[in-house]
Every structure is written in structure tokens, then in C-alpha cells.
Amino acid sequence: MDTVVQPDPMVVCDPGKLHENGIWGAFDLIVEPVGRWVQQYVLGPEGVFAPEVTWERAGRLVSPTLPGFELDVGTIWEKG
């Protein structure tokens, strides 16, 4: 079964996943403001992408895919 998701902001680091008719494969980072959660997908030893960590409203994301990238998850929903 194929699953199609439409998150709000998302990050895809592998240009090979980008195709004319969409993204093939898992996103590296998804942000879902309505639910106020952030989920990080990581390539596992079996060669399959799976959610490694989910943050709800707070926490610090450090990405193995984006060297040097860190995000205080709570700042996504701050009003400025």
C-alpha cells in the first residue's frame, strides 16, 4: 500500500528523491503545526527510513543528515 502525506514544512536532503510528480521516499524532517509536533526520519541499518524521534511542542533536534543543524523545536510555534 502506498501512503501519500502532505505535511506543512518539510526537508528532503537527497535530490534523488525529487521527481516531476512528487517526492519518492521519506522526508528527512517534517513539521506539522496543527498537531505541534516534529518528526525526524533516519535511515536505519536495514536500509529503510523510519521516524527516529518525535518531539511534541519542545525539545532539541540535532540532525545526523544536516551536519551542524540544530533546532529548538519550541521556537517553531513562538509568535514574534
C-alpha atoms as a PDB file:
ATOM      1  CA  MET A   1       0.000   0.000   0.000  1.00  0.00           C
ATOM      2  CA  ASP A   2       1.328   3.426  -0.915  1.00  0.00           C
ATOM      3  CA  THR A   3       0.918   6.253   1.567  1.00  0.00           C
ATOM      4  CA  VAL A   4       0.806   9.867   0.492  1.00  0.00           C
ATOM      5  CA  VAL A   5       1.352  12.535   3.142  1.00  0.00           C
ATOM      6  CA  GLN A   6       1.153  16.305   2.876  1.00  0.00           C
ATOM      7  CA  PRO A   7       2.935  17.853   5.858  1.00  0.00           C
ATOM      8  CA  ASP A   8       3.442  21.556   6.298  1.00  0.00           C
ATOM      9  CA  PRO A   9       7.180  22.478   6.149  1.00  0.00           C
ATOM     10  CA  MET A  10       9.425  19.567   5.203  1.00  0.00           C
ATOM     11  CA  VAL A  11      13.065  18.929   4.361  1.00  0.00           C
ATOM     12  CA  VAL A  12      14.373  16.465   1.773  1.00  0.00           C
ATOM     13  CA  CYS A  13      18.176  16.304   1.589  1.00  0.00           C
ATOM     14  CA  ASP A  14      18.551  13.695  -1.161  1.00  0.00           C
ATOM     15  CA  PRO A  15      17.917  15.259  -4.602  1.00  0.00           C
ATOM     16  CA  GLY A  16      17.402  11.735  -5.961  1.00  0.00           C
ATOM     17  CA  LYS A  17      14.035  11.657  -4.161  1.00  0.00           C
ATOM     18  CA  LEU A  18      12.745  14.652  -6.125  1.00  0.00           C
ATOM     19  CA  HIS A  19      10.744  13.743  -9.229  1.00  0.00           C
ATOM     20  CA  GLU A  20       8.425  15.628 -11.572  1.00  0.00           C
ATOM     21  CA  ASN A  21       5.349  14.097  -9.953  1.00  0.00           C
ATOM     22  CA  GLY A  22       6.448  14.454  -6.317  1.00  0.00           C
ATOM     23  CA  ILE A  23       8.880  13.171  -3.710  1.00  0.00           C
ATOM     24  CA  TRP A  24       9.673   9.479  -3.704  1.00  0.00           C
ATOM     25  CA  GLY A  25      10.767   8.301  -0.267  1.00  0.00           C
ATOM     26  CA  ALA A  26      10.723   9.592   3.253  1.00  0.00           C
ATOM     27  CA  PHE A  27      11.317  13.207   4.205  1.00  0.00           C
ATOM     28  CA  ASP A  28      14.327  13.971   6.395  1.00  0.00           C
ATOM     29  CA  LEU A  29      12.357  16.422   8.539  1.00  0.00           C
ATOM     30  CA  ILE A  30       8.617  17.104   8.788  1.00  0.00           C
ATOM     31  CA  VAL A  31       6.909  19.874  10.751  1.00  0.00           C
ATOM     32  CA  GLU A  32       3.175  19.608  11.435  1.00  0.00           C
ATOM     33  CA  PRO A  33       2.000  22.932  13.057  1.00  0.00           C
ATOM     34  CA  VAL A  34      -1.608  21.818  13.604  1.00  0.00           C
ATOM     35  CA  GLY A  35      -0.545  18.910  15.795  1.00  0.00           C
ATOM     36  CA  ARG A  36       2.512  20.837  17.010  1.00  0.00           C
ATOM     37  CA  TRP A  37       4.954  18.012  16.593  1.00  0.00           C
ATOM     38  CA  VAL A  38       8.211  17.467  14.713  1.00  0.00           C
ATOM     39  CA  GLN A  39       9.302  14.057  13.483  1.00  0.00           C
ATOM     40  CA  GLN A  40      12.797  13.134  12.290  1.00  0.00           C
ATOM     41  CA  TYR A  41      13.261  10.235   9.869  1.00  0.00           C
ATOM     42  CA  VAL A  42      16.600   8.425   9.822  1.00  0.00           C
ATOM     43  CA  LEU A  43      17.901   5.684   7.526  1.00  0.00           C
ATOM     44  CA  GLY A  44      18.160   2.535   9.616  1.00  0.00           C
ATOM     45  CA  PRO A  45      20.615  -0.353   9.281  1.00  0.00           C
ATOM     46  CA  GLU A  46      18.055  -2.286   7.188  1.00  0.00           C
ATOM     47  CA  GLY A  47      18.116   0.497   4.575  1.00  0.00           C
ATOM     48  CA  VAL A  48      14.647   1.757   5.491  1.00  0.00           C
ATOM     49  CA  PHE A  49      13.736   5.268   6.603  1.00  0.00           C
ATOM     50  CA  ALA A  50      11.739   5.378   9.810  1.00  0.00           C
ATOM     51  CA  PRO A  51      10.812   8.015  12.371  1.00  0.00           C
ATOM     52  CA  GLU A  52      13.620   8.064  14.927  1.00  0.00           C
ATOM     53  CA  VAL A  53      12.380  10.802  17.206  1.00  0.00           C
ATOM     54  CA  THR A  54       9.149  12.745  17.617  1.00  0.00           C
ATOM     55  CA  TRP A  55       9.100  15.990  19.579  1.00  0.00           C
ATOM     56  CA  GLU A  56       5.852  17.413  20.853  1.00  0.00           C
ATOM     57  CA  ARG A  57       5.996  21.167  21.413  1.00  0.00           C
ATOM     58  CA  ALA A  58       9.521  21.215  22.890  1.00  0.00           C
ATOM     59  CA  GLY A  59      12.955  19.633  22.646  1.00  0.00           C
ATOM     60  CA  ARG A  60      16.191  19.980  20.690  1.00  0.00           C
ATOM     61  CA  LEU A  61      16.545  18.383  17.287  1.00  0.00           C
ATOM     62  CA  VAL A  62      20.105  17.555  16.186  1.00  0.00           C
ATOM     63  CA  SER A  63      20.174  16.157  12.670  1.00  0.00           C
ATOM     64  CA  PRO A  64      22.602  13.447  11.533  1.00  0.00           C
ATOM     65  CA  THR A  65      21.586  14.277   7.951  1.00  0.00           C
ATOM     66  CA  LEU A  66      22.241  18.028   8.163  1.00  0.00           C
ATOM     67  CA  PRO A  67      25.638  18.454   9.865  1.00  0.00           C
ATOM     68  CA  GLY A  68      25.626  21.436  12.209  1.00  0.00           C
ATOM     69  CA  PHE A  69      21.841  21.812  12.102  1.00  0.00           C
ATOM     70  CA  GLU A  70      20.140  22.130  15.471  1.00  0.00           C
ATOM     71  CA  LEU A  71      16.617  23.318  16.177  1.00  0.00           C
ATOM     72  CA  ASP A  72      14.868  24.257  19.400  1.00  0.00           C
ATOM     73  CA  VAL A  73      11.523  22.719  18.452  1.00  0.00           C
ATOM     74  CA  GLY A  74       9.548  25.095  20.700  1.00  0.00           C
ATOM     75  CA  THR A  75      10.622  28.095  18.616  1.00  0.00           C
ATOM     76  CA  ILE A  76       8.589  26.866  15.642  1.00  0.00           C
ATOM     77  CA  TRP A  77       5.356  27.867  17.350  1.00  0.00           C
ATOM     78  CA  GLU A  78       6.516  31.080  19.050  1.00  0.00           C
ATOM     79  CA  LYS A  79       4.740  34.207  17.911  1.00  0.00           C
ATOM     80  CA  GLY A  80       7.044  37.079  17.119  1.00  0.00           C
END
